[in-house]
Amino acid sequence: MRSLLFVPGDSPKKQQKGLESGADALILDLEDSVALGAKPQARAITRDFLAAARALPRHPLLIVRINALTTDLSDADLDAVMPGAPDAIMLPKSEGGADVGHLAAKIAVREAEADLPDGTTRILPIATETGKAVFGLGTYARSSHRLMALTWGAEDLAADLGADTNRLADGGYTDPYRLARSLTLFGASAAQVDAIDTVFTNFRDEAGFRAECEAARRDGFTGKMAIHPAQVGPINEVFTPSAAALARAEKIVALFAADPAAGVLGLDGQMLDRPHLRQAERLLERARKQGE
């Protein structure tokens, strides 16, 4: 997944626009974008949208962000949307692998009740929305076969820490949020899943947004969440490997395949070893998944 677009769970109009946005995944939000009194209606709208979208010949991945497990809302969210067979459930305020395991058990029961294939609903935690959660980033490995990726959040974390802001004057993150971002990468690597970068809230700052996308791709994130359809195109562009990068990766793989006993090989004046091979293989695998 390169682009994951948030759409409110109570807005059929915005959900339809999401389908037309070109996003790889839609995050149908039952949490922050829906007022408490509107949540029952949002569940029904989201369930209907899931059914309609699944009937289309092609559709993006359908992810539902439920309310946190610590609320009294998450069970009702799952009861409403699981019959619609979402591809994944986004778990906000996740504090570690135990939360993923807890949610996985809830999902398993509802898959059985809805006659869905066991294990097909994945889980995408937002893994840094509280200070406590940062210390749990190393616990996602082997938490559940349903774990599909890790992402992080800076806005709720700022609220939890009581920070005045999470951004510097130049637009970059302050140190606590840079740390949370980096640890999310490490946690995803440890769990052997993709890392998805967080949202960029100032959707009118096109230059700042693109720079943040490019930094995320550079550091190892494989995609980014969006809060506006206009952000989808730049995300897809930045996170799609270039033809030149793919051609080089294919050359590296071919070189090592031709000489499997070699520890180090040369290409275009650069010495390459096994980590370079692994990078090339991962790039090609990501491109293959994007083309499916």
C-alpha atoms as a PDB file:
ATOM      1  CA  MET A   1       0.000   0.000   0.000  1.00  0.00           C
ATOM      2  CA  ARG A   2       1.254   3.425  -0.934  1.00  0.00           C
ATOM      3  CA  SER A   3      -1.704   5.692  -0.192  1.00  0.00           C
ATOM      4  CA  LEU A   4      -4.301   5.213   2.549  1.00  0.00           C
ATOM      5  CA  LEU A   5      -7.032   7.859   2.499  1.00  0.00           C
ATOM      6  CA  PHE A   6      -9.127   8.660   5.564  1.00  0.00           C
ATOM      7  CA  VAL A   7     -12.839   9.180   4.865  1.00  0.00           C
ATOM      8  CA  PRO A   8     -15.476   9.841   7.535  1.00  0.00           C
ATOM      9  CA  GLY A   9     -17.695   6.900   8.338  1.00  0.00           C
ATOM     10  CA  ASP A  10     -20.803   9.076   8.328  1.00  0.00           C
ATOM     11  CA  SER A  11     -20.358  10.677   4.883  1.00  0.00           C
ATOM     12  CA  PRO A  12     -21.494   8.650   1.853  1.00  0.00           C
ATOM     13  CA  LYS A  13     -20.446  11.546  -0.401  1.00  0.00           C
ATOM     14  CA  LYS A  14     -16.851  11.541   0.852  1.00  0.00           C
ATOM     15  CA  GLN A  15     -16.742   7.752   0.761  1.00  0.00           C
ATOM     16  CA  GLN A  16     -17.726   7.843  -2.914  1.00  0.00           C
ATOM     17  CA  LYS A  17     -15.053  10.466  -3.607  1.00  0.00           C
ATOM     18  CA  GLY A  18     -12.593   8.185  -1.877  1.00  0.00           C
ATOM     19  CA  LEU A  19     -13.392   5.424  -4.367  1.00  0.00           C
ATOM     20  CA  GLU A  20     -12.563   7.832  -7.186  1.00  0.00           C
ATOM     21  CA  SER A  21      -9.367   9.189  -5.601  1.00  0.00           C
ATOM     22  CA  GLY A  22      -6.940   6.516  -6.771  1.00  0.00           C
ATOM     23  CA  ALA A  23      -6.006   5.581  -3.207  1.00  0.00           C
ATOM     24  CA  ASP A  24      -4.713   2.071  -2.611  1.00  0.00           C
ATOM     25  CA  ALA A  25      -6.791   1.848   0.573  1.00  0.00           C
ATOM     26  CA  LEU A  26      -9.672   3.721   2.155  1.00  0.00           C
ATOM     27  CA  ILE A  27      -9.764   4.111   5.937  1.00  0.00           C
ATOM     28  CA  LEU A  28     -13.442   4.362   6.850  1.00  0.00           C
ATOM     29  CA  ASP A  29     -13.256   6.269  10.093  1.00  0.00           C
ATOM     30  CA  LEU A  30     -15.604   5.582  12.996  1.00  0.00           C
ATOM     31  CA  GLU A  31     -13.345   7.292  15.537  1.00  0.00           C
ATOM     32  CA  ASP A  32     -12.140  10.906  15.537  1.00  0.00           C
ATOM     33  CA  SER A  33     -14.062  12.235  12.530  1.00  0.00           C
ATOM     34  CA  VAL A  34     -17.439  11.056  13.848  1.00  0.00           C
ATOM     35  CA  ALA A  35     -19.208  12.760  16.744  1.00  0.00           C
ATOM     36  CA  LEU A  36     -20.374  10.523  19.575  1.00  0.00           C
ATOM     37  CA  GLY A  37     -24.053  10.926  18.753  1.00  0.00           C
ATOM     38  CA  ALA A  38     -23.454  10.152  15.076  1.00  0.00           C
ATOM     39  CA  LYS A  39     -21.615   6.878  15.609  1.00  0.00           C
ATOM     40  CA  PRO A  40     -24.634   4.537  15.261  1.00  0.00           C
ATOM     41  CA  GLN A  41     -25.514   6.132  11.935  1.00  0.00           C
ATOM     42  CA  ALA A  42     -21.859   6.047  10.832  1.00  0.00           C
ATOM     43  CA  ARG A  43     -21.689   2.315  11.516  1.00  0.00           C
ATOM     44  CA  ALA A  44     -24.724   1.686   9.326  1.00  0.00           C
ATOM     45  CA  ILE A  45     -23.423   3.930   6.531  1.00  0.00           C
ATOM     46  CA  THR A  46     -20.030   2.252   6.647  1.00  0.00           C
ATOM     47  CA  ARG A  47     -21.531  -1.240   6.583  1.00  0.00           C
ATOM     48  CA  ASP A  48     -23.620  -0.320   3.530  1.00  0.00           C
ATOM     49  CA  PHE A  49     -20.603   1.210   1.812  1.00  0.00           C
ATOM     50  CA  LEU A  50     -18.536  -1.923   2.410  1.00  0.00           C
ATOM     51  CA  ALA A  51     -21.216  -4.049   0.763  1.00  0.00           C
ATOM     52  CA  ALA A  52     -21.543  -1.710  -2.219  1.00  0.00           C
ATOM     53  CA  ALA A  53     -17.789  -1.344  -2.722  1.00  0.00           C
ATOM     54  CA  ARG A  54     -17.229  -5.101  -2.570  1.00  0.00           C
ATOM     55  CA  ALA A  55     -19.698  -5.535  -5.432  1.00  0.00           C
ATOM     56  CA  LEU A  56     -17.532  -3.393  -7.729  1.00  0.00           C
ATOM     57  CA  PRO A  57     -15.173  -5.084 -10.224  1.00  0.00           C
ATOM     58  CA  ARG A  58     -12.230  -3.249  -8.642  1.00  0.00           C
ATOM     59  CA  HIS A  59     -11.969  -1.372  -5.384  1.00  0.00           C
ATOM     60  CA  PRO A  60      -9.265  -0.229  -2.981  1.00  0.00           C
ATOM     61  CA  LEU A  61      -8.522  -2.087   0.210  1.00  0.00           C
ATOM     62  CA  LEU A  62     -11.290  -1.336   2.686  1.00  0.00           C
ATOM     63  CA  ILE A  63     -10.066  -0.598   6.208  1.00  0.00           C
ATOM     64  CA  VAL A  64     -12.310   0.460   9.087  1.00  0.00           C
ATOM     65  CA  ARG A  65     -10.892   2.489  11.956  1.00  0.00           C
ATOM     66  CA  ILE A  66     -12.861   1.499  15.011  1.00  0.00           C
ATOM     67  CA  ASN A  67     -12.821   3.257  18.351  1.00  0.00           C
ATOM     68  CA  ALA A  68     -10.167   2.318  20.886  1.00  0.00           C
ATOM     69  CA  LEU A  69     -10.468  -0.922  22.821  1.00  0.00           C
ATOM     70  CA  THR A  70     -10.514   1.089  26.053  1.00  0.00           C
ATOM     71  CA  THR A  71     -13.835   2.684  25.066  1.00  0.00           C
ATOM     72  CA  ASP A  72     -17.257   1.082  25.221  1.00  0.00           C
ATOM     73  CA  LEU A  73     -17.660   1.647  21.474  1.00  0.00           C
ATOM     74  CA  SER A  74     -15.327  -0.825  19.797  1.00  0.00           C
ATOM     75  CA  ASP A  75     -17.525  -3.911  20.183  1.00  0.00           C
ATOM     76  CA  ALA A  76     -20.496  -2.139  18.625  1.00  0.00           C
ATOM     77  CA  ASP A  77     -18.222  -0.941  15.790  1.00  0.00           C
ATOM     78  CA  LEU A  78     -17.107  -4.502  15.070  1.00  0.00           C
ATOM     79  CA  ASP A  79     -20.628  -5.914  15.352  1.00  0.00           C
ATOM     80  CA  ALA A  80     -21.808  -3.429  12.736  1.00  0.00           C
ATOM     81  CA  VAL A  81     -19.012  -3.578  10.162  1.00  0.00           C
ATOM     82  CA  MET A  82     -17.700  -7.139  10.216  1.00  0.00           C
ATOM     83  CA  PRO A  83     -20.693  -8.488   8.208  1.00  0.00           C
ATOM     84  CA  GLY A  84     -19.490  -6.116   5.471  1.00  0.00           C
ATOM     85  CA  ALA A  85     -16.191  -8.020   5.266  1.00  0.00           C
ATOM     86  CA  PRO A  86     -13.641  -5.216   5.626  1.00  0.00           C
ATOM     87  CA  ASP A  87     -10.133  -6.093   4.496  1.00  0.00           C
ATOM     88  CA  ALA A  88      -8.697  -4.790   7.757  1.00  0.00           C
ATOM     89  CA  ILE A  89      -9.466  -3.084  11.028  1.00  0.00           C
ATOM     90  CA  MET A  90      -7.390  -0.078  12.045  1.00  0.00           C
ATOM     91  CA  LEU A  91      -6.758  -0.062  15.787  1.00  0.00           C
ATOM     92  CA  PRO A  92      -6.251   3.403  17.314  1.00  0.00           C
ATOM     93  CA  LYS A  93      -4.520   3.958  20.652  1.00  0.00           C
ATOM     94  CA  SER A  94      -2.806   0.583  20.370  1.00  0.00           C
ATOM     95  CA  GLU A  95      -0.223   0.100  23.104  1.00  0.00           C
ATOM     96  CA  GLY A  96       1.457  -3.110  21.969  1.00  0.00           C
ATOM     97  CA  GLY A  97       1.120  -6.615  20.684  1.00  0.00           C
ATOM     98  CA  ALA A  98      -1.286  -7.600  23.456  1.00  0.00           C
ATOM     99  CA  ASP A  99      -3.850  -5.134  22.082  1.00  0.00           C
ATOM    100  CA  VAL A 100      -3.482  -6.664  18.623  1.00  0.00           C
ATOM    101  CA  GLY A 101      -4.018 -10.125  20.102  1.00  0.00           C
ATOM    102  CA  HIS A 102      -7.090  -8.893  21.965  1.00  0.00           C
ATOM    103  CA  LEU A 103      -8.564  -7.393  18.808  1.00  0.00           C
ATOM    104  CA  ALA A 104      -7.679 -10.511  16.803  1.00  0.00           C
ATOM    105  CA  ALA A 105      -9.775 -12.629  19.168  1.00  0.00           C
ATOM    106  CA  LYS A 106     -12.745 -10.286  18.781  1.00  0.00           C
ATOM    107  CA  ILE A 107     -12.423 -10.365  15.014  1.00  0.00           C
ATOM    108  CA  ALA A 108     -12.196 -14.166  14.908  1.00  0.00           C
ATOM    109  CA  VAL A 109     -15.541 -14.517  16.678  1.00  0.00           C
ATOM    110  CA  ARG A 110     -17.218 -12.100  14.297  1.00  0.00           C
ATOM    111  CA  GLU A 111     -15.705 -13.715  11.218  1.00  0.00           C
ATOM    112  CA  ALA A 112     -17.317 -16.969  12.305  1.00  0.00           C
ATOM    113  CA  GLU A 113     -20.651 -15.281  12.973  1.00  0.00           C
ATOM    114  CA  ALA A 114     -20.583 -13.598   9.543  1.00  0.00           C
ATOM    115  CA  ASP A 115     -19.468 -16.763   7.692  1.00  0.00           C
ATOM    116  CA  LEU A 116     -16.229 -15.083   6.634  1.00  0.00           C
ATOM    117  CA  PRO A 117     -13.063 -17.103   6.000  1.00  0.00           C
ATOM    118  CA  ASP A 118     -11.057 -17.398   9.196  1.00  0.00           C
ATOM    119  CA  GLY A 119      -8.065 -15.081   9.401  1.00  0.00           C
ATOM    120  CA  THR A 120      -8.820 -12.933   6.359  1.00  0.00           C
ATOM    121  CA  THR A 121      -9.400  -9.675   8.267  1.00  0.00           C
ATOM    122  CA  ARG A 122      -6.078  -7.970   8.942  1.00  0.00           C
ATOM    123  CA  ILE A 123      -5.130  -5.476  11.659  1.00  0.00           C
ATOM    124  CA  LEU A 124      -3.358  -2.129  11.247  1.00  0.00           C
ATOM    125  CA  PRO A 125      -2.445  -0.535  14.598  1.00  0.00           C
ATOM    126  CA  ILE A 126      -1.717   3.136  15.120  1.00  0.00           C
ATOM    127  CA  ALA A 127       1.153   2.445  17.440  1.00  0.00           C
ATOM    128  CA  THR A 128       2.298   5.744  19.005  1.00  0.00           C
ATOM    129  CA  GLU A 129      -0.778   7.682  20.079  1.00  0.00           C
ATOM    130  CA  THR A 130       0.098   7.578  23.779  1.00  0.00           C
ATOM    131  CA  GLY A 131       3.355   7.870  25.667  1.00  0.00           C
ATOM    132  CA  LYS A 132       2.902   4.338  26.980  1.00  0.00           C
ATOM    133  CA  ALA A 133       2.455   3.003  23.458  1.00  0.00           C
ATOM    134  CA  VAL A 134       5.955   4.051  22.424  1.00  0.00           C
ATOM    135  CA  PHE A 135       7.381   1.520  24.874  1.00  0.00           C
ATOM    136  CA  GLY A 136       5.308  -1.243  23.262  1.00  0.00           C
ATOM    137  CA  LEU A 137       6.670  -0.892  19.734  1.00  0.00           C
ATOM    138  CA  GLY A 138       8.942  -3.882  20.168  1.00  0.00           C
ATOM    139  CA  THR A 139       6.075  -6.206  21.133  1.00  0.00           C
ATOM    140  CA  TYR A 140       4.244  -6.446  17.792  1.00  0.00           C
ATOM    141  CA  ALA A 141       6.476  -9.199  16.454  1.00  0.00           C
ATOM    142  CA  ARG A 142       4.526 -12.492  16.544  1.00  0.00           C
ATOM    143  CA  SER A 143       1.527 -10.737  18.100  1.00  0.00           C
ATOM    144  CA  SER A 144      -0.880 -12.082  15.451  1.00  0.00           C
ATOM    145  CA  HIS A 145      -0.850 -13.430  11.918  1.00  0.00           C
ATOM    146  CA  ARG A 146      -3.413 -10.714  11.191  1.00  0.00           C
ATOM    147  CA  LEU A 147      -0.884  -7.884  11.625  1.00  0.00           C
ATOM    148  CA  MET A 148      -0.515  -6.207   8.218  1.00  0.00           C
ATOM    149  CA  ALA A 149       1.576  -3.096   8.954  1.00  0.00           C
ATOM    150  CA  LEU A 150       2.362  -0.507  11.609  1.00  0.00           C
ATOM    151  CA  THR A 151       1.658   3.185  11.451  1.00  0.00           C
ATOM    152  CA  TRP A 152       2.178   6.011  13.906  1.00  0.00           C
ATOM    153  CA  GLY A 153       0.344   9.104  15.062  1.00  0.00           C
ATOM    154  CA  ALA A 154       1.672  12.479  16.140  1.00  0.00           C
ATOM    155  CA  GLU A 155      -1.490  14.441  16.930  1.00  0.00           C
ATOM    156  CA  ASP A 156      -2.909  12.230  19.676  1.00  0.00           C
ATOM    157  CA  LEU A 157       0.594  11.734  21.046  1.00  0.00           C
ATOM    158  CA  ALA A 158       1.010  15.500  21.389  1.00  0.00           C
ATOM    159  CA  ALA A 159      -2.266  15.656  23.293  1.00  0.00           C
ATOM    160  CA  ASP A 160      -1.212  12.790  25.557  1.00  0.00           C
ATOM    161  CA  LEU A 161       2.136  14.450  26.302  1.00  0.00           C
ATOM    162  CA  GLY A 162       0.588  17.876  26.849  1.00  0.00           C
ATOM    163  CA  ALA A 163       2.833  19.424  24.198  1.00  0.00           C
ATOM    164  CA  ASP A 164       2.281  22.918  22.832  1.00  0.00           C
ATOM    165  CA  THR A 165       3.115  21.658  19.350  1.00  0.00           C
ATOM    166  CA  ASN A 166       4.736  18.706  17.628  1.00  0.00           C
ATOM    167  CA  ARG A 167       6.299  20.770  14.823  1.00  0.00           C
ATOM    168  CA  LEU A 168       9.270  23.125  14.618  1.00  0.00           C
ATOM    169  CA  ALA A 169       9.105  26.498  12.870  1.00  0.00           C
ATOM    170  CA  ASP A 170      10.510  24.923   9.684  1.00  0.00           C
ATOM    171  CA  GLY A 171       7.734  22.311   9.662  1.00  0.00           C
ATOM    172  CA  GLY A 172       9.813  19.389  10.862  1.00  0.00           C
ATOM    173  CA  TYR A 173       8.859  17.325  13.883  1.00  0.00           C
ATOM    174  CA  THR A 174      10.266  18.043  17.321  1.00  0.00           C
ATOM    175  CA  ASP A 175      12.437  15.380  18.938  1.00  0.00           C
ATOM    176  CA  PRO A 176       9.753  13.307  20.735  1.00  0.00           C
ATOM    177  CA  TYR A 177       7.845  12.772  17.479  1.00  0.00           C
ATOM    178  CA  ARG A 178      10.961  12.071  15.437  1.00  0.00           C
ATOM    179  CA  LEU A 179      11.751   9.378  17.997  1.00  0.00           C
ATOM    180  CA  ALA A 180       8.244   7.886  17.760  1.00  0.00           C
ATOM    181  CA  ARG A 181       8.510   7.882  13.967  1.00  0.00           C
ATOM    182  CA  SER A 182      11.877   6.122  14.018  1.00  0.00           C
ATOM    183  CA  LEU A 183      10.782   3.542  16.559  1.00  0.00           C
ATOM    184  CA  THR A 184       7.766   2.723  14.400  1.00  0.00           C
ATOM    185  CA  LEU A 185      10.160   1.830  11.584  1.00  0.00           C
ATOM    186  CA  PHE A 186      12.141  -0.400  13.941  1.00  0.00           C
ATOM    187  CA  GLY A 187       8.988  -2.000  15.328  1.00  0.00           C
ATOM    188  CA  ALA A 188       7.682  -2.756  11.854  1.00  0.00           C
ATOM    189  CA  SER A 189      11.028  -4.222  10.858  1.00  0.00           C
ATOM    190  CA  ALA A 190      11.067  -6.427  13.949  1.00  0.00           C
ATOM    191  CA  ALA A 191       7.546  -7.636  13.136  1.00  0.00           C
ATOM    192  CA  GLN A 192       8.436  -8.049   9.444  1.00  0.00           C
ATOM    193  CA  VAL A 193       5.567  -5.876   8.239  1.00  0.00           C
ATOM    194  CA  ASP A 194       5.392  -2.610   6.316  1.00  0.00           C
ATOM    195  CA  ALA A 195       5.706   0.770   8.027  1.00  0.00           C
ATOM    196  CA  ILE A 196       3.152   3.405   6.973  1.00  0.00           C
ATOM    197  CA  ASP A 197       3.890   7.076   7.612  1.00  0.00           C
ATOM    198  CA  THR A 198       1.401   9.266   9.449  1.00  0.00           C
ATOM    199  CA  VAL A 199      -0.807  12.027   8.031  1.00  0.00           C
ATOM    200  CA  PHE A 200       0.327  15.510   7.025  1.00  0.00           C
ATOM    201  CA  THR A 201      -2.432  17.729   8.334  1.00  0.00           C
ATOM    202  CA  ASN A 202      -1.710  20.945   6.403  1.00  0.00           C
ATOM    203  CA  PHE A 203      -3.057  19.719   3.063  1.00  0.00           C
ATOM    204  CA  ARG A 204      -2.525  23.162   1.483  1.00  0.00           C
ATOM    205  CA  ASP A 205       1.254  22.981   2.011  1.00  0.00           C
ATOM    206  CA  GLU A 206       2.069  20.986  -1.111  1.00  0.00           C
ATOM    207  CA  ALA A 207       5.847  21.481  -0.915  1.00  0.00           C
ATOM    208  CA  GLY A 208       6.028  20.473   2.734  1.00  0.00           C
ATOM    209  CA  PHE A 209       3.840  17.461   2.098  1.00  0.00           C
ATOM    210  CA  ARG A 210       5.944  16.217  -0.808  1.00  0.00           C
ATOM    211  CA  ALA A 211       9.136  16.700   1.183  1.00  0.00           C
ATOM    212  CA  GLU A 212       7.700  14.626   4.026  1.00  0.00           C
ATOM    213  CA  CYS A 213       6.645  11.882   1.580  1.00  0.00           C
ATOM    214  CA  GLU A 214      10.138  11.766   0.105  1.00  0.00           C
ATOM    215  CA  ALA A 215      11.758  11.624   3.549  1.00  0.00           C
ATOM    216  CA  ALA A 216       9.444   8.778   4.549  1.00  0.00           C
ATOM    217  CA  ARG A 217      10.273   6.765   1.434  1.00  0.00           C
ATOM    218  CA  ARG A 218      13.986   7.450   1.925  1.00  0.00           C
ATOM    219  CA  ASP A 219      13.925   6.127   5.476  1.00  0.00           C
ATOM    220  CA  GLY A 220      11.997   2.922   4.775  1.00  0.00           C
ATOM    221  CA  PHE A 221       8.280   3.684   4.994  1.00  0.00           C
ATOM    222  CA  THR A 222       6.363   2.024   2.176  1.00  0.00           C
ATOM    223  CA  GLY A 223       3.347   4.349   2.143  1.00  0.00           C
ATOM    224  CA  LYS A 224       1.622   7.271   3.808  1.00  0.00           C
ATOM    225  CA  MET A 225      -1.824   8.087   5.117  1.00  0.00           C
ATOM    226  CA  ALA A 226      -3.788  10.967   3.585  1.00  0.00           C
ATOM    227  CA  ILE A 227      -6.501  13.219   4.943  1.00  0.00           C
ATOM    228  CA  HIS A 228      -7.537  14.750   1.604  1.00  0.00           C
ATOM    229  CA  PRO A 229      -7.996  13.222  -1.873  1.00  0.00           C
ATOM    230  CA  ALA A 230      -5.556  15.787  -3.292  1.00  0.00           C
ATOM    231  CA  GLN A 231      -2.774  14.107  -1.305  1.00  0.00           C
ATOM    232  CA  VAL A 232      -3.280  10.704  -2.924  1.00  0.00           C
ATOM    233  CA  GLY A 233      -1.615  11.478  -6.248  1.00  0.00           C
ATOM    234  CA  PRO A 234       1.647  12.800  -4.754  1.00  0.00           C
ATOM    235  CA  ILE A 235       1.820   9.845  -2.342  1.00  0.00           C
ATOM    236  CA  ASN A 236       1.400   7.351  -5.171  1.00  0.00           C
ATOM    237  CA  GLU A 237       4.002   9.151  -7.255  1.00  0.00           C
ATOM    238  CA  VAL A 238       6.621   9.324  -4.514  1.00  0.00           C
ATOM    239  CA  PHE A 239       6.157   5.769  -3.237  1.00  0.00           C
ATOM    240  CA  THR A 240       6.079   4.137  -6.674  1.00  0.00           C
ATOM    241  CA  PRO A 241       9.593   2.908  -7.518  1.00  0.00           C
ATOM    242  CA  SER A 242      11.018   4.599 -10.600  1.00  0.00           C
ATOM    243  CA  ALA A 243      11.846   2.635 -13.738  1.00  0.00           C
ATOM    244  CA  ALA A 244      15.533   3.356 -13.172  1.00  0.00           C
ATOM    245  CA  ALA A 245      15.405   2.077  -9.602  1.00  0.00           C
ATOM    246  CA  LEU A 246      13.629  -1.100 -10.678  1.00  0.00           C
ATOM    247  CA  ALA A 247      16.087  -1.691 -13.510  1.00  0.00           C
ATOM    248  CA  ARG A 248      19.025  -1.358 -11.123  1.00  0.00           C
ATOM    249  CA  ALA A 249      17.370  -3.697  -8.616  1.00  0.00           C
ATOM    250  CA  GLU A 250      16.851  -6.290 -11.347  1.00  0.00           C
ATOM    251  CA  LYS A 251      20.537  -6.016 -12.297  1.00  0.00           C
ATOM    252  CA  ILE A 252      21.598  -6.565  -8.673  1.00  0.00           C
ATOM    253  CA  VAL A 253      19.382  -9.627  -8.298  1.00  0.00           C
ATOM    254  CA  ALA A 254      20.646 -11.018 -11.589  1.00  0.00           C
ATOM    255  CA  LEU A 255      24.288 -10.501 -10.610  1.00  0.00           C
ATOM    256  CA  PHE A 256      23.918 -12.446  -7.372  1.00  0.00           C
ATOM    257  CA  ALA A 257      21.845 -15.131  -9.090  1.00  0.00           C
ATOM    258  CA  ALA A 258      24.620 -15.627 -11.607  1.00  0.00           C
ATOM    259  CA  ASP A 259      27.237 -15.989  -8.860  1.00  0.00           C
ATOM    260  CA  PRO A 260      25.417 -17.267  -5.740  1.00  0.00           C
ATOM    261  CA  ALA A 261      28.651 -18.020  -3.877  1.00  0.00           C
ATOM    262  CA  ALA A 262      29.901 -14.435  -4.139  1.00  0.00           C
ATOM    263  CA  GLY A 263      29.957 -12.282  -1.039  1.00  0.00           C
ATOM    264  CA  VAL A 264      30.703  -9.021  -2.832  1.00  0.00           C
ATOM    265  CA  LEU A 265      30.073  -7.998  -6.456  1.00  0.00           C
ATOM    266  CA  GLY A 266      30.597  -4.822  -8.439  1.00  0.00           C
ATOM    267  CA  LEU A 267      28.065  -2.808 -10.433  1.00  0.00           C
ATOM    268  CA  ASP A 268      28.706   0.557 -12.079  1.00  0.00           C
ATOM    269  CA  GLY A 269      31.756   1.162  -9.907  1.00  0.00           C
ATOM    270  CA  GLN A 270      29.988   0.312  -6.610  1.00  0.00           C
ATOM    271  CA  MET A 271      30.740  -2.665  -4.422  1.00  0.00           C
ATOM    272  CA  LEU A 272      27.601  -4.576  -3.491  1.00  0.00           C
ATOM    273  CA  ASP A 273      27.067  -7.168  -0.760  1.00  0.00           C
ATOM    274  CA  ARG A 274      24.152  -9.120   0.644  1.00  0.00           C
ATOM    275  CA  PRO A 275      22.339  -6.145   2.246  1.00  0.00           C
ATOM    276  CA  HIS A 276      22.196  -4.529  -1.200  1.00  0.00           C
ATOM    277  CA  LEU A 277      20.679  -7.721  -2.577  1.00  0.00           C
ATOM    278  CA  ARG A 278      18.054  -7.704   0.149  1.00  0.00           C
ATOM    279  CA  GLN A 279      17.210  -4.057  -0.589  1.00  0.00           C
ATOM    280  CA  ALA A 280      16.836  -4.856  -4.279  1.00  0.00           C
ATOM    281  CA  GLU A 281      14.615  -7.854  -3.598  1.00  0.00           C
ATOM    282  CA  ARG A 282      12.377  -5.832  -1.291  1.00  0.00           C
ATOM    283  CA  LEU A 283      12.024  -3.057  -3.866  1.00  0.00           C
ATOM    284  CA  LEU A 284      11.002  -5.524  -6.561  1.00  0.00           C
ATOM    285  CA  GLU A 285       8.581  -7.258  -4.213  1.00  0.00           C
ATOM    286  CA  ARG A 286       6.964  -3.938  -3.314  1.00  0.00           C
ATOM    287  CA  ALA A 287       6.593  -3.063  -6.990  1.00  0.00           C
ATOM    288  CA  ARG A 288       5.028  -6.453  -7.648  1.00  0.00           C
ATOM    289  CA  LYS A 289       2.459  -5.949  -4.890  1.00  0.00           C
ATOM    290  CA  GLN A 290       1.611  -2.474  -6.189  1.00  0.00           C
ATOM    291  CA  GLY A 291       0.944  -3.953  -9.611  1.00  0.00           C
ATOM    292  CA  GLU A 292      -1.479  -6.596  -8.363  1.00  0.00           C
END
